[in-house]
PDB file of all heavy atoms in Angstrom:
ATOM      1  N   LEU A   1     -89.574 -64.581  92.550  1.00  0.00           N
ATOM      2  CA  LEU A   1     -89.200 -64.264  93.917  1.00  0.00           C
ATOM      3  C   LEU A   1     -87.683 -64.214  94.014  1.00  0.00           C
ATOM      4  O   LEU A   1     -86.996 -65.168  93.645  1.00  0.00           O
ATOM      5  CB  LEU A   1     -89.752 -65.314  94.883  1.00  0.00           C
ATOM      6  CG  LEU A   1     -89.802 -64.892  96.346  1.00  0.00           C
ATOM      7  CD1 LEU A   1     -90.917 -63.884  96.566  1.00  0.00           C
ATOM      8  CD2 LEU A   1     -90.008 -66.099  97.249  1.00  0.00           C
ATOM      9  N   VAL A   2     -87.148 -63.079  94.483  1.00  0.00           N
ATOM     10  CA  VAL A   2     -85.709 -62.916  94.617  1.00  0.00           C
ATOM     11  C   VAL A   2     -85.368 -62.544  96.059  1.00  0.00           C
ATOM     12  O   VAL A   2     -86.204 -62.012  96.784  1.00  0.00           O
ATOM     13  CB  VAL A   2     -85.170 -61.822  93.657  1.00  0.00           C
ATOM     14  CG1 VAL A   2     -85.505 -62.166  92.217  1.00  0.00           C
ATOM     15  CG2 VAL A   2     -85.718 -60.447  94.019  1.00  0.00           C
ATOM     16  N   GLU A   3     -84.155 -62.873  96.466  1.00  0.00           N
ATOM     17  CA  GLU A   3     -83.645 -62.536  97.800  1.00  0.00           C
ATOM     18  C   GLU A   3     -84.560 -63.024  98.911  1.00  0.00           C
ATOM     19  O   GLU A   3     -84.641 -62.438  99.984  1.00  0.00           O
ATOM     20  CB  GLU A   3     -83.401 -61.029  97.917  1.00  0.00           C
ATOM     21  CG  GLU A   3     -82.341 -60.539  96.945  1.00  0.00           C
ATOM     22  CD  GLU A   3     -82.102 -59.042  97.014  1.00  0.00           C
ATOM     23  OE1 GLU A   3     -82.600 -58.400  97.944  1.00  0.00           O
ATOM     24  OE2 GLU A   3     -81.417 -58.536  96.120  1.00  0.00           O
ATOM     25  N   GLY A   4     -85.270 -64.096  98.641  1.00  0.00           N
ATOM     26  CA  GLY A   4     -86.048 -64.730  99.688  1.00  0.00           C
ATOM     27  C   GLY A   4     -87.483 -64.299  99.816  1.00  0.00           C
ATOM     28  O   GLY A   4     -88.360 -65.106 100.094  1.00  0.00           O
ATOM     29  N   ASP A   5     -87.766 -62.987  99.607  1.00  0.00           N
ATOM     30  CA  ASP A   5     -89.130 -62.540  99.899  1.00  0.00           C
ATOM     31  C   ASP A   5     -89.569 -61.343  99.071  1.00  0.00           C
ATOM     32  O   ASP A   5     -90.555 -60.698  99.409  1.00  0.00           O
ATOM     33  CB  ASP A   5     -89.274 -62.207 101.389  1.00  0.00           C
ATOM     34  CG  ASP A   5     -88.413 -61.019 101.824  1.00  0.00           C
ATOM     35  OD1 ASP A   5     -87.414 -60.731 101.139  1.00  0.00           O
ATOM     36  OD2 ASP A   5     -88.731 -60.395 102.853  1.00  0.00           O
ATOM     37  N   ILE A   6     -88.870 -61.032  97.970  1.00  0.00           N
ATOM     38  CA  ILE A   6     -89.202 -59.855  97.165  1.00  0.00           C
ATOM     39  C   ILE A   6     -89.713 -60.304  95.801  1.00  0.00           C
ATOM     40  O   ILE A   6     -89.035 -61.066  95.091  1.00  0.00           O
ATOM     41  CB  ILE A   6     -87.983 -58.939  96.994  1.00  0.00           C
ATOM     42  CG1 ILE A   6     -87.497 -58.451  98.363  1.00  0.00           C
ATOM     43  CG2 ILE A   6     -88.310 -57.752  96.092  1.00  0.00           C
ATOM     44  CD1 ILE A   6     -86.148 -57.777  98.322  1.00  0.00           C
ATOM     45  N   LEU A   7     -90.895 -59.847  95.415  1.00  0.00           N
ATOM     46  CA  LEU A   7     -91.489 -60.215  94.140  1.00  0.00           C
ATOM     47  C   LEU A   7     -91.133 -59.191  93.070  1.00  0.00           C
ATOM     48  O   LEU A   7     -91.311 -57.991  93.268  1.00  0.00           O
ATOM     49  CB  LEU A   7     -93.011 -60.306  94.265  1.00  0.00           C
ATOM     50  CG  LEU A   7     -93.757 -60.652  92.967  1.00  0.00           C
ATOM     51  CD1 LEU A   7     -93.483 -62.089  92.559  1.00  0.00           C
ATOM     52  CD2 LEU A   7     -95.255 -60.410  93.109  1.00  0.00           C
ATOM     53  N   LEU A   8     -90.644 -59.667  91.936  1.00  0.00           N
ATOM     54  CA  LEU A   8     -90.428 -58.839  90.751  1.00  0.00           C
ATOM     55  C   LEU A   8     -91.332 -59.350  89.645  1.00  0.00           C
ATOM     56  O   LEU A   8     -91.373 -60.552  89.367  1.00  0.00           O
ATOM     57  CB  LEU A   8     -88.961 -58.909  90.287  1.00  0.00           C
ATOM     58  CG  LEU A   8     -87.899 -58.368  91.249  1.00  0.00           C
ATOM     59  CD1 LEU A   8     -86.515 -58.545  90.637  1.00  0.00           C
ATOM     60  CD2 LEU A   8     -88.153 -56.908  91.583  1.00  0.00           C
ATOM     61  N   THR A   9     -92.069 -58.451  88.999  1.00  0.00           N
ATOM     62  CA  THR A   9     -92.962 -58.832  87.917  1.00  0.00           C
ATOM     63  C   THR A   9     -92.250 -58.728  86.576  1.00  0.00           C
ATOM     64  O   THR A   9     -91.207 -58.070  86.449  1.00  0.00           O
ATOM     65  CB  THR A   9     -94.201 -57.925  87.893  1.00  0.00           C
ATOM     66  OG1 THR A   9     -93.783 -56.585  87.578  1.00  0.00           O
ATOM     67  CG2 THR A   9     -94.915 -57.942  89.234  1.00  0.00           C
ATOM     68  N   ASP A  10     -92.819 -59.340  85.542  1.00  0.00           N
ATOM     69  CA  ASP A  10     -92.265 -59.218  84.197  1.00  0.00           C
ATOM     70  C   ASP A  10     -92.276 -57.768  83.740  1.00  0.00           C
ATOM     71  O   ASP A  10     -91.357 -57.317  83.054  1.00  0.00           O
ATOM     72  CB  ASP A  10     -93.069 -60.085  83.207  1.00  0.00           C
ATOM     73  CG  ASP A  10     -92.731 -61.557  83.326  1.00  0.00           C
ATOM     74  OD1 ASP A  10     -91.534 -61.888  83.354  1.00  0.00           O
ATOM     75  OD2 ASP A  10     -93.660 -62.371  83.388  1.00  0.00           O
ATOM     76  N   GLU A  11     -93.325 -57.025  84.131  1.00  0.00           N
ATOM     77  CA  GLU A  11     -93.398 -55.616  83.752  1.00  0.00           C
ATOM     78  C   GLU A  11     -92.215 -54.841  84.319  1.00  0.00           C
ATOM     79  O   GLU A  11     -91.601 -54.021  83.627  1.00  0.00           O
ATOM     80  CB  GLU A  11     -94.703 -55.006  84.257  1.00  0.00           C
ATOM     81  CG  GLU A  11     -94.868 -53.523  83.905  1.00  0.00           C
ATOM     82  CD  GLU A  11     -96.167 -52.942  84.431  1.00  0.00           C
ATOM     83  OE1 GLU A  11     -96.918 -53.677  85.109  1.00  0.00           O
ATOM     84  OE2 GLU A  11     -96.428 -51.754  84.170  1.00  0.00           O
ATOM     85  N   GLN A  12     -91.877 -55.113  85.584  1.00  0.00           N
ATOM     86  CA  GLN A  12     -90.729 -54.440  86.188  1.00  0.00           C
ATOM     87  C   GLN A  12     -89.426 -54.831  85.500  1.00  0.00           C
ATOM     88  O   GLN A  12     -88.557 -53.987  85.271  1.00  0.00           O
ATOM     89  CB  GLN A  12     -90.654 -54.777  87.674  1.00  0.00           C
ATOM     90  CG  GLN A  12     -91.752 -54.137  88.511  1.00  0.00           C
ATOM     91  CD  GLN A  12     -91.754 -54.645  89.931  1.00  0.00           C
ATOM     92  OE1 GLN A  12     -91.644 -55.841  90.177  1.00  0.00           O
ATOM     93  NE2 GLN A  12     -91.882 -53.733  90.889  1.00  0.00           N
ATOM     94  N   LEU A  13     -89.296 -56.101  85.157  1.00  0.00           N
ATOM     95  CA  LEU A  13     -88.066 -56.573  84.530  1.00  0.00           C
ATOM     96  C   LEU A  13     -87.883 -55.998  83.131  1.00  0.00           C
ATOM     97  O   LEU A  13     -86.755 -55.824  82.674  1.00  0.00           O
ATOM     98  CB  LEU A  13     -88.054 -58.102  84.468  1.00  0.00           C
ATOM     99  CG  LEU A  13     -87.944 -58.834  85.806  1.00  0.00           C
ATOM    100  CD1 LEU A  13     -88.002 -60.334  85.585  1.00  0.00           C
ATOM    101  CD2 LEU A  13     -86.669 -58.457  86.531  1.00  0.00           C
ATOM    102  N   ASN A  14     -88.999 -55.717  82.454  1.00  0.00           N
ATOM    103  CA  ASN A  14     -88.920 -55.240  81.071  1.00  0.00           C
ATOM    104  C   ASN A  14     -88.992 -53.723  80.951  1.00  0.00           C
ATOM    105  O   ASN A  14     -89.012 -53.182  79.847  1.00  0.00           O
ATOM    106  CB  ASN A  14     -90.037 -55.877  80.241  1.00  0.00           C
ATOM    107  CG  ASN A  14     -89.821 -57.366  80.060  1.00  0.00           C
ATOM    108  OD1 ASN A  14     -88.711 -57.805  79.783  1.00  0.00           O
ATOM    109  ND2 ASN A  14     -90.878 -58.153  80.220  1.00  0.00           N
ATOM    110  N   THR A  15     -89.027 -53.031  82.086  1.00  0.00           N
ATOM    111  CA  THR A  15     -89.038 -51.567  82.085  1.00  0.00           C
ATOM    112  C   THR A  15     -87.620 -51.042  81.983  1.00  0.00           C
ATOM    113  O   THR A  15     -86.695 -51.590  82.582  1.00  0.00           O
ATOM    114  CB  THR A  15     -89.694 -51.026  83.369  1.00  0.00           C
ATOM    115  OG1 THR A  15     -91.051 -51.492  83.418  1.00  0.00           O
ATOM    116  CG2 THR A  15     -89.679 -49.508  83.395  1.00  0.00           C
ATOM    117  N   THR A  16     -87.433 -49.975  81.216  1.00  0.00           N
ATOM    118  CA  THR A  16     -86.121 -49.348  81.118  1.00  0.00           C
ATOM    119  C   THR A  16     -85.817 -48.626  82.415  1.00  0.00           C
ATOM    120  O   THR A  16     -86.622 -47.851  82.915  1.00  0.00           O
ATOM    121  CB  THR A  16     -86.070 -48.342  79.957  1.00  0.00           C
ATOM    122  OG1 THR A  16     -86.371 -49.037  78.740  1.00  0.00           O
ATOM    123  CG2 THR A  16     -84.688 -47.706  79.847  1.00  0.00           C
ATOM    124  N   HIS A  17     -84.638 -48.906  82.967  1.00  0.00           N
ATOM    125  CA  HIS A  17     -84.251 -48.328  84.244  1.00  0.00           C
ATOM    126  C   HIS A  17     -83.063 -47.403  84.083  1.00  0.00           C
ATOM    127  O   HIS A  17     -82.228 -47.573  83.205  1.00  0.00           O
ATOM    128  CB  HIS A  17     -83.882 -49.438  85.248  1.00  0.00           C
ATOM    129  CG  HIS A  17     -84.988 -50.402  85.509  1.00  0.00           C
ATOM    130  ND1 HIS A  17     -85.991 -50.154  86.414  1.00  0.00           N
ATOM    131  CD2 HIS A  17     -85.252 -51.612  84.965  1.00  0.00           C
ATOM    132  CE1 HIS A  17     -86.826 -51.182  86.426  1.00  0.00           C
ATOM    133  NE2 HIS A  17     -86.396 -52.073  85.567  1.00  0.00           N
ATOM    134  N   ASP A  18     -83.007 -46.423  84.961  1.00  0.00           N
ATOM    135  CA  ASP A  18     -81.856 -45.538  85.046  1.00  0.00           C
ATOM    136  C   ASP A  18     -80.818 -46.217  85.929  1.00  0.00           C
ATOM    137  O   ASP A  18     -80.988 -46.299  87.147  1.00  0.00           O
ATOM    138  CB  ASP A  18     -82.272 -44.199  85.662  1.00  0.00           C
ATOM    139  CG  ASP A  18     -81.101 -43.245  85.827  1.00  0.00           C
ATOM    140  OD1 ASP A  18     -80.078 -43.449  85.158  1.00  0.00           O
ATOM    141  OD2 ASP A  18     -81.231 -42.305  86.634  1.00  0.00           O
ATOM    142  N   ALA A  19     -79.777 -46.723  85.321  1.00  0.00           N
ATOM    143  CA  ALA A  19     -78.803 -47.533  86.051  1.00  0.00           C
ATOM    144  C   ALA A  19     -78.092 -46.706  87.114  1.00  0.00           C
ATOM    145  O   ALA A  19     -77.570 -45.640  86.857  1.00  0.00           O
ATOM    146  CB  ALA A  19     -77.788 -48.127  85.077  1.00  0.00           C
ATOM    147  N   LYS A  20     -78.107 -47.233  88.340  1.00  0.00           N
ATOM    148  CA  LYS A  20     -77.412 -46.605  89.450  1.00  0.00           C
ATOM    149  C   LYS A  20     -76.767 -47.708  90.271  1.00  0.00           C
ATOM    150  O   LYS A  20     -77.292 -48.814  90.360  1.00  0.00           O
ATOM    151  CB  LYS A  20     -78.381 -45.836  90.353  1.00  0.00           C
ATOM    152  CG  LYS A  20     -79.084 -44.658  89.696  1.00  0.00           C
ATOM    153  CD  LYS A  20     -80.000 -43.982  90.698  1.00  0.00           C
ATOM    154  CE  LYS A  20     -80.707 -42.774  90.089  1.00  0.00           C
ATOM    155  NZ  LYS A  20     -81.726 -43.168  89.125  1.00  0.00           N
ATOM    156  N   PHE A  21     -75.657 -47.418  90.850  1.00  0.00           N
ATOM    157  CA  PHE A  21     -75.114 -48.317  91.863  1.00  0.00           C
ATOM    158  C   PHE A  21     -74.839 -47.453  93.069  1.00  0.00           C
ATOM    159  O   PHE A  21     -73.849 -46.733  93.123  1.00  0.00           O
ATOM    160  CB  PHE A  21     -73.841 -49.016  91.388  1.00  0.00           C
ATOM    161  CG  PHE A  21     -73.427 -50.098  92.321  1.00  0.00           C
ATOM    162  CD1 PHE A  21     -74.009 -51.354  92.239  1.00  0.00           C
ATOM    163  CD2 PHE A  21     -72.480 -49.866  93.310  1.00  0.00           C
ATOM    164  CE1 PHE A  21     -73.635 -52.360  93.125  1.00  0.00           C
ATOM    165  CE2 PHE A  21     -72.105 -50.879  94.185  1.00  0.00           C
ATOM    166  CZ  PHE A  21     -72.678 -52.132  94.090  1.00  0.00           C
ATOM    167  N   LEU A  22     -75.742 -47.462  94.024  1.00  0.00           N
ATOM    168  CA  LEU A  22     -75.745 -46.480  95.084  1.00  0.00           C
ATOM    169  C   LEU A  22     -75.318 -47.082  96.411  1.00  0.00           C
ATOM    170  O   LEU A  22     -75.888 -46.789  97.451  1.00  0.00           O
ATOM    171  CB  LEU A  22     -77.137 -45.855  95.189  1.00  0.00           C
ATOM    172  CG  LEU A  22     -77.570 -45.070  93.952  1.00  0.00           C
ATOM    173  CD1 LEU A  22     -79.032 -44.693  94.051  1.00  0.00           C
ATOM    174  CD2 LEU A  22     -76.729 -43.822  93.781  1.00  0.00           C
ATOM    175  N   ARG A  23     -74.306 -47.919  96.384  1.00  0.00           N
ATOM    176  CA  ARG A  23     -73.829 -48.515  97.615  1.00  0.00           C
ATOM    177  C   ARG A  23     -72.976 -47.513  98.385  1.00  0.00           C
ATOM    178  O   ARG A  23     -72.117 -46.851  97.830  1.00  0.00           O
ATOM    179  CB  ARG A  23     -72.983 -49.759  97.320  1.00  0.00           C
ATOM    180  CG  ARG A  23     -72.642 -50.561  98.562  1.00  0.00           C
ATOM    181  CD  ARG A  23     -71.647 -51.649  98.253  1.00  0.00           C
ATOM    182  NE  ARG A  23     -70.282 -51.089  98.237  1.00  0.00           N
ATOM    183  CZ  ARG A  23     -69.215 -51.782  97.865  1.00  0.00           C
ATOM    184  NH1 ARG A  23     -69.350 -53.006  97.423  1.00  0.00           N
ATOM    185  NH2 ARG A  23     -68.019 -51.240  97.903  1.00  0.00           N
ATOM    186  N   VAL A  24     -73.215 -47.434  99.670  1.00  0.00           N
ATOM    187  CA  VAL A  24     -72.350 -46.669 100.567  1.00  0.00           C
ATOM    188  C   VAL A  24     -72.104 -47.545 101.777  1.00  0.00           C
ATOM    189  O   VAL A  24     -73.030 -47.899 102.487  1.00  0.00           O
ATOM    190  CB  VAL A  24     -73.011 -45.340 101.007  1.00  0.00           C
ATOM    191  CG1 VAL A  24     -72.078 -44.583 101.935  1.00  0.00           C
ATOM    192  CG2 VAL A  24     -73.380 -44.492  99.802  1.00  0.00           C
ATOM    193  N   GLY A  25     -70.857 -47.896 102.044  1.00  0.00           N
ATOM    194  CA  GLY A  25     -70.557 -48.746 103.182  1.00  0.00           C
ATOM    195  C   GLY A  25     -70.977 -50.189 102.929  1.00  0.00           C
ATOM    196  O   GLY A  25     -71.225 -50.600 101.805  1.00  0.00           O
ATOM    197  N   GLU A  26     -71.065 -50.945 103.993  1.00  0.00           N
ATOM    198  CA  GLU A  26     -71.262 -52.382 103.859  1.00  0.00           C
ATOM    199  C   GLU A  26     -72.546 -52.895 104.504  1.00  0.00           C
ATOM    200  O   GLU A  26     -73.210 -53.738 103.963  1.00  0.00           O
ATOM    201  CB  GLU A  26     -70.063 -53.121 104.486  1.00  0.00           C
ATOM    202  CG  GLU A  26     -68.765 -52.921 103.712  1.00  0.00           C
ATOM    203  CD  GLU A  26     -68.794 -53.610 102.358  1.00  0.00           C
ATOM    204  OE1 GLU A  26     -68.979 -54.837 102.309  1.00  0.00           O
ATOM    205  OE2 GLU A  26     -68.629 -52.928 101.348  1.00  0.00           O
ATOM    206  N   THR A  27     -72.901 -52.421 105.680  1.00  0.00           N
ATOM    207  CA  THR A  27     -74.012 -53.044 106.411  1.00  0.00           C
ATOM    208  C   THR A  27     -74.880 -52.002 107.094  1.00  0.00           C
ATOM    209  O   THR A  27     -75.000 -51.960 108.309  1.00  0.00           O
ATOM    210  CB  THR A  27     -73.484 -54.028 107.468  1.00  0.00           C
ATOM    211  OG1 THR A  27     -72.490 -53.350 108.255  1.00  0.00           O
ATOM    212  CG2 THR A  27     -72.880 -55.249 106.844  1.00  0.00           C
ATOM    213  N   GLU A  28     -75.508 -51.166 106.312  1.00  0.00           N
ATOM    214  CA  GLU A  28     -76.338 -50.119 106.865  1.00  0.00           C
ATOM    215  C   GLU A  28     -77.794 -50.332 106.463  1.00  0.00           C
ATOM    216  O   GLU A  28     -78.100 -51.213 105.686  1.00  0.00           O
ATOM    217  CB  GLU A  28     -75.857 -48.753 106.328  1.00  0.00           C
ATOM    218  CG  GLU A  28     -74.381 -48.492 106.596  1.00  0.00           C
ATOM    219  CD  GLU A  28     -73.665 -47.950 105.374  1.00  0.00           C
ATOM    220  OE1 GLU A  28     -74.086 -48.258 104.254  1.00  0.00           O
ATOM    221  OE2 GLU A  28     -72.677 -47.233 105.535  1.00  0.00           O
ATOM    222  N   GLN A  29     -78.682 -49.491 106.979  1.00  0.00           N
ATOM    223  CA  GLN A  29     -80.051 -49.517 106.503  1.00  0.00           C
ATOM    224  C   GLN A  29     -80.100 -48.968 105.077  1.00  0.00           C
ATOM    225  O   GLN A  29     -79.423 -47.996 104.757  1.00  0.00           O
ATOM    226  CB  GLN A  29     -80.960 -48.687 107.409  1.00  0.00           C
ATOM    227  CG  GLN A  29     -81.616 -49.484 108.530  1.00  0.00           C
ATOM    228  CD  GLN A  29     -80.709 -49.695 109.711  1.00  0.00           C
ATOM    229  OE1 GLN A  29     -79.523 -49.452 109.631  1.00  0.00           O
ATOM    230  NE2 GLN A  29     -81.270 -50.163 110.808  1.00  0.00           N
ATOM    231  N   TYR A  30     -80.913 -49.607 104.240  1.00  0.00           N
ATOM    232  CA  TYR A  30     -80.993 -49.227 102.838  1.00  0.00           C
ATOM    233  C   TYR A  30     -82.438 -49.077 102.418  1.00  0.00           C
ATOM    234  O   TYR A  30     -83.332 -49.737 102.939  1.00  0.00           O
ATOM    235  CB  TYR A  30     -80.332 -50.298 101.950  1.00  0.00           C
ATOM    236  CG  TYR A  30     -78.846 -50.352 102.101  1.00  0.00           C
ATOM    237  CD1 TYR A  30     -78.253 -51.157 103.059  1.00  0.00           C
ATOM    238  CD2 TYR A  30     -78.013 -49.584 101.283  1.00  0.00           C
ATOM    239  CE1 TYR A  30     -76.886 -51.201 103.201  1.00  0.00           C
ATOM    240  CE2 TYR A  30     -76.642 -49.631 101.417  1.00  0.00           C
ATOM    241  CZ  TYR A  30     -76.076 -50.440 102.385  1.00  0.00           C
ATOM    242  OH  TYR A  30     -74.717 -50.474 102.529  1.00  0.00           O
ATOM    243  N   ARG A  31     -82.631 -48.207 101.443  1.00  0.00           N
ATOM    244  CA  ARG A  31     -83.932 -48.089 100.799  1.00  0.00           C
ATOM    245  C   ARG A  31     -83.743 -48.263  99.301  1.00  0.00           C
ATOM    246  O   ARG A  31     -82.630 -48.212  98.783  1.00  0.00           O
ATOM    247  CB  ARG A  31     -84.542 -46.710 101.080  1.00  0.00           C
ATOM    248  CG  ARG A  31     -83.771 -45.540 100.443  1.00  0.00           C
ATOM    249  CD  ARG A  31     -84.529 -44.250 100.647  1.00  0.00           C
ATOM    250  NE  ARG A  31     -83.842 -43.076 100.152  1.00  0.00           N
ATOM    251  CZ  ARG A  31     -83.914 -42.619  98.897  1.00  0.00           C
ATOM    252  NH1 ARG A  31     -84.613 -43.284  97.995  1.00  0.00           N
ATOM    253  NH2 ARG A  31     -83.289 -41.524  98.537  1.00  0.00           N
ATOM    254  N   THR A  32     -84.835 -48.451  98.606  1.00  0.00           N
ATOM    255  CA  THR A  32     -84.797 -48.469  97.150  1.00  0.00           C
ATOM    256  C   THR A  32     -84.972 -47.034  96.640  1.00  0.00           C
ATOM    257  O   THR A  32     -85.167 -46.106  97.413  1.00  0.00           O
ATOM    258  CB  THR A  32     -85.935 -49.332  96.571  1.00  0.00           C
ATOM    259  OG1 THR A  32     -87.180 -48.671  96.825  1.00  0.00           O
ATOM    260  CG2 THR A  32     -85.949 -50.712  97.188  1.00  0.00           C
ATOM    261  N   THR A  33     -84.927 -46.887  95.336  1.00  0.00           N
ATOM    262  CA  THR A  33     -85.228 -45.586  94.742  1.00  0.00           C
ATOM    263  C   THR A  33     -86.732 -45.371  94.626  1.00  0.00           C
ATOM    264  O   THR A  33     -87.176 -44.308  94.210  1.00  0.00           O
ATOM    265  CB  THR A  33     -84.573 -45.465  93.350  1.00  0.00           C
ATOM    266  OG1 THR A  33     -84.923 -46.622  92.575  1.00  0.00           O
ATOM    267  CG2 THR A  33     -83.061 -45.401  93.475  1.00  0.00           C
ATOM    268  N   ASN A  34     -87.528 -46.378  95.000  1.00  0.00           N
ATOM    269  CA  ASN A  34     -88.992 -46.286  94.966  1.00  0.00           C
ATOM    270  C   ASN A  34     -89.520 -46.121  96.382  1.00  0.00           C
ATOM    271  O   ASN A  34     -89.306 -46.969  97.238  1.00  0.00           O
ATOM    272  CB  ASN A  34     -89.596 -47.556  94.355  1.00  0.00           C
ATOM    273  CG  ASN A  34     -89.096 -47.809  92.956  1.00  0.00           C
ATOM    274  OD1 ASN A  34     -88.854 -46.865  92.209  1.00  0.00           O
ATOM    275  ND2 ASN A  34     -88.920 -49.065  92.598  1.00  0.00           N
ATOM    276  N   LEU A  35     -90.219 -45.021  96.618  1.00  0.00           N
ATOM    277  CA  LEU A  35     -90.796 -44.765  97.929  1.00  0.00           C
ATOM    278  C   LEU A  35     -92.272 -44.425  97.792  1.00  0.00           C
ATOM    279  O   LEU A  35     -92.776 -44.216  96.689  1.00  0.00           O
ATOM    280  CB  LEU A  35     -90.058 -43.609  98.618  1.00  0.00           C
ATOM    281  CG  LEU A  35     -88.582 -43.839  98.954  1.00  0.00           C
ATOM    282  CD1 LEU A  35     -87.967 -42.571  99.538  1.00  0.00           C
ATOM    283  CD2 LEU A  35     -88.415 -45.006  99.921  1.00  0.00           C
ATOM    284  N   VAL A  36     -92.967 -44.359  98.917  1.00  0.00           N
ATOM    285  CA  VAL A  36     -94.385 -43.991  98.942  1.00  0.00           C
ATOM    286  C   VAL A  36     -94.490 -42.477  99.096  1.00  0.00           C
ATOM    287  O   VAL A  36     -93.821 -41.878  99.948  1.00  0.00           O
ATOM    288  CB  VAL A  36     -95.105 -44.692 100.104  1.00  0.00           C
ATOM    289  CG1 VAL A  36     -96.556 -44.234 100.189  1.00  0.00           C
ATOM    290  CG2 VAL A  36     -95.018 -46.208  99.948  1.00  0.00           C
ATOM    291  N   ASN A  37     -95.323 -41.867  98.261  1.00  0.00           N
ATOM    292  CA  ASN A  37     -95.578 -40.434  98.408  1.00  0.00           C
ATOM    293  C   ASN A  37     -96.501 -40.213  99.596  1.00  0.00           C
ATOM    294  O   ASN A  37     -97.608 -40.733  99.644  1.00  0.00           O
ATOM    295  CB  ASN A  37     -96.235 -39.874  97.140  1.00  0.00           C
ATOM    296  CG  ASN A  37     -95.297 -39.896  95.942  1.00  0.00           C
ATOM    297  OD1 ASN A  37     -94.073 -39.871  96.107  1.00  0.00           O
ATOM    298  ND2 ASN A  37     -95.854 -39.933  94.743  1.00  0.00           N
ATOM    299  N   VAL A  38     -96.036 -39.421 100.552  1.00  0.00           N
ATOM    300  CA  VAL A  38     -96.848 -39.193 101.752  1.00  0.00           C
ATOM    301  C   VAL A  38     -97.284 -37.746 101.900  1.00  0.00           C
ATOM    302  O   VAL A  38     -98.210 -37.459 102.670  1.00  0.00           O
ATOM    303  CB  VAL A  38     -96.085 -39.642 103.026  1.00  0.00           C
ATOM    304  CG1 VAL A  38     -95.853 -41.128 103.007  1.00  0.00           C
ATOM    305  CG2 VAL A  38     -94.774 -38.879 103.184  1.00  0.00           C
ATOM    306  N   GLY A  39     -96.631 -36.817 101.172  1.00  0.00           N
ATOM    307  CA  GLY A  39     -97.005 -35.414 101.311  1.00  0.00           C
ATOM    308  C   GLY A  39     -96.883 -34.960 102.749  1.00  0.00           C
ATOM    309  O   GLY A  39     -95.881 -35.213 103.425  1.00  0.00           O
ATOM    310  N   SER A  40     -97.909 -34.301 103.242  1.00  0.00           N
ATOM    311  CA  SER A  40     -97.906 -33.838 104.633  1.00  0.00           C
ATOM    312  C   SER A  40     -98.419 -34.904 105.588  1.00  0.00           C
ATOM    313  O   SER A  40     -98.500 -34.691 106.795  1.00  0.00           O
ATOM    314  CB  SER A  40     -98.774 -32.586 104.762  1.00  0.00           C
ATOM    315  OG  SER A  40    -100.106 -32.857 104.343  1.00  0.00           O
ATOM    316  N   GLY A  41     -98.767 -36.068 105.038  1.00  0.00           N
ATOM    317  CA  GLY A  41     -99.253 -37.173 105.852  1.00  0.00           C
ATOM    318  C   GLY A  41    -100.133 -38.098 105.030  1.00  0.00           C
ATOM    319  O   GLY A  41    -100.893 -37.642 104.175  1.00  0.00           O
ATOM    320  N   ARG A  42    -100.025 -39.400 105.263  1.00  0.00           N
ATOM    321  CA  ARG A  42    -100.820 -40.354 104.489  1.00  0.00           C
ATOM    322  C   ARG A  42    -101.065 -41.603 105.323  1.00  0.00           C
ATOM    323  O   ARG A  42    -100.168 -42.082 106.014  1.00  0.00           O
ATOM    324  CB  ARG A  42    -100.090 -40.740 103.200  1.00  0.00           C
ATOM    325  CG  ARG A  42    -100.852 -41.718 102.317  1.00  0.00           C
ATOM    326  CD  ARG A  42    -100.151 -41.932 101.007  1.00  0.00           C
ATOM    327  NE  ARG A  42    -100.854 -42.884 100.156  1.00  0.00           N
ATOM    328  CZ  ARG A  42    -100.416 -43.295  98.968  1.00  0.00           C
ATOM    329  NH1 ARG A  42     -99.267 -42.825  98.484  1.00  0.00           N
ATOM    330  NH2 ARG A  42    -101.109 -44.162  98.257  1.00  0.00           N
ATOM    331  N   THR A  43    -102.285 -42.114 105.240  1.00  0.00           N
ATOM    332  CA  THR A  43    -102.646 -43.346 105.936  1.00  0.00           C
ATOM    333  C   THR A  43    -102.777 -44.478 104.926  1.00  0.00           C
ATOM    334  O   THR A  43    -103.487 -44.349 103.925  1.00  0.00           O
ATOM    335  CB  THR A  43    -103.965 -43.187 106.708  1.00  0.00           C
ATOM    336  OG1 THR A  43    -103.792 -42.182 107.719  1.00  0.00           O
ATOM    337  CG2 THR A  43    -104.366 -44.500 107.372  1.00  0.00           C
ATOM    338  N   ILE A  44    -102.093 -45.572 105.197  1.00  0.00           N
ATOM    339  CA  ILE A  44    -102.120 -46.758 104.346  1.00  0.00           C
ATOM    340  C   ILE A  44    -103.071 -47.770 104.967  1.00  0.00           C
ATOM    341  O   ILE A  44    -102.907 -48.159 106.133  1.00  0.00           O
ATOM    342  CB  ILE A  44    -100.710 -47.370 104.203  1.00  0.00           C
ATOM    343  CG1 ILE A  44     -99.722 -46.328 103.662  1.00  0.00           C
ATOM    344  CG2 ILE A  44    -100.758 -48.605 103.319  1.00  0.00           C
ATOM    345  CD1 ILE A  44    -100.065 -45.772 102.309  1.00  0.00           C
TER     346      ILE A  44
END
């Protein structure tokens, strides 16, 4: 558990990642590089 409430698995930690540092500004809304595919619409 990191940053209070985010779970990282061993599989995620041992996966090769494309290193990016995508900070813009200081205190804005942020997303990860991982999103949900929704296409033209999707119900979760």
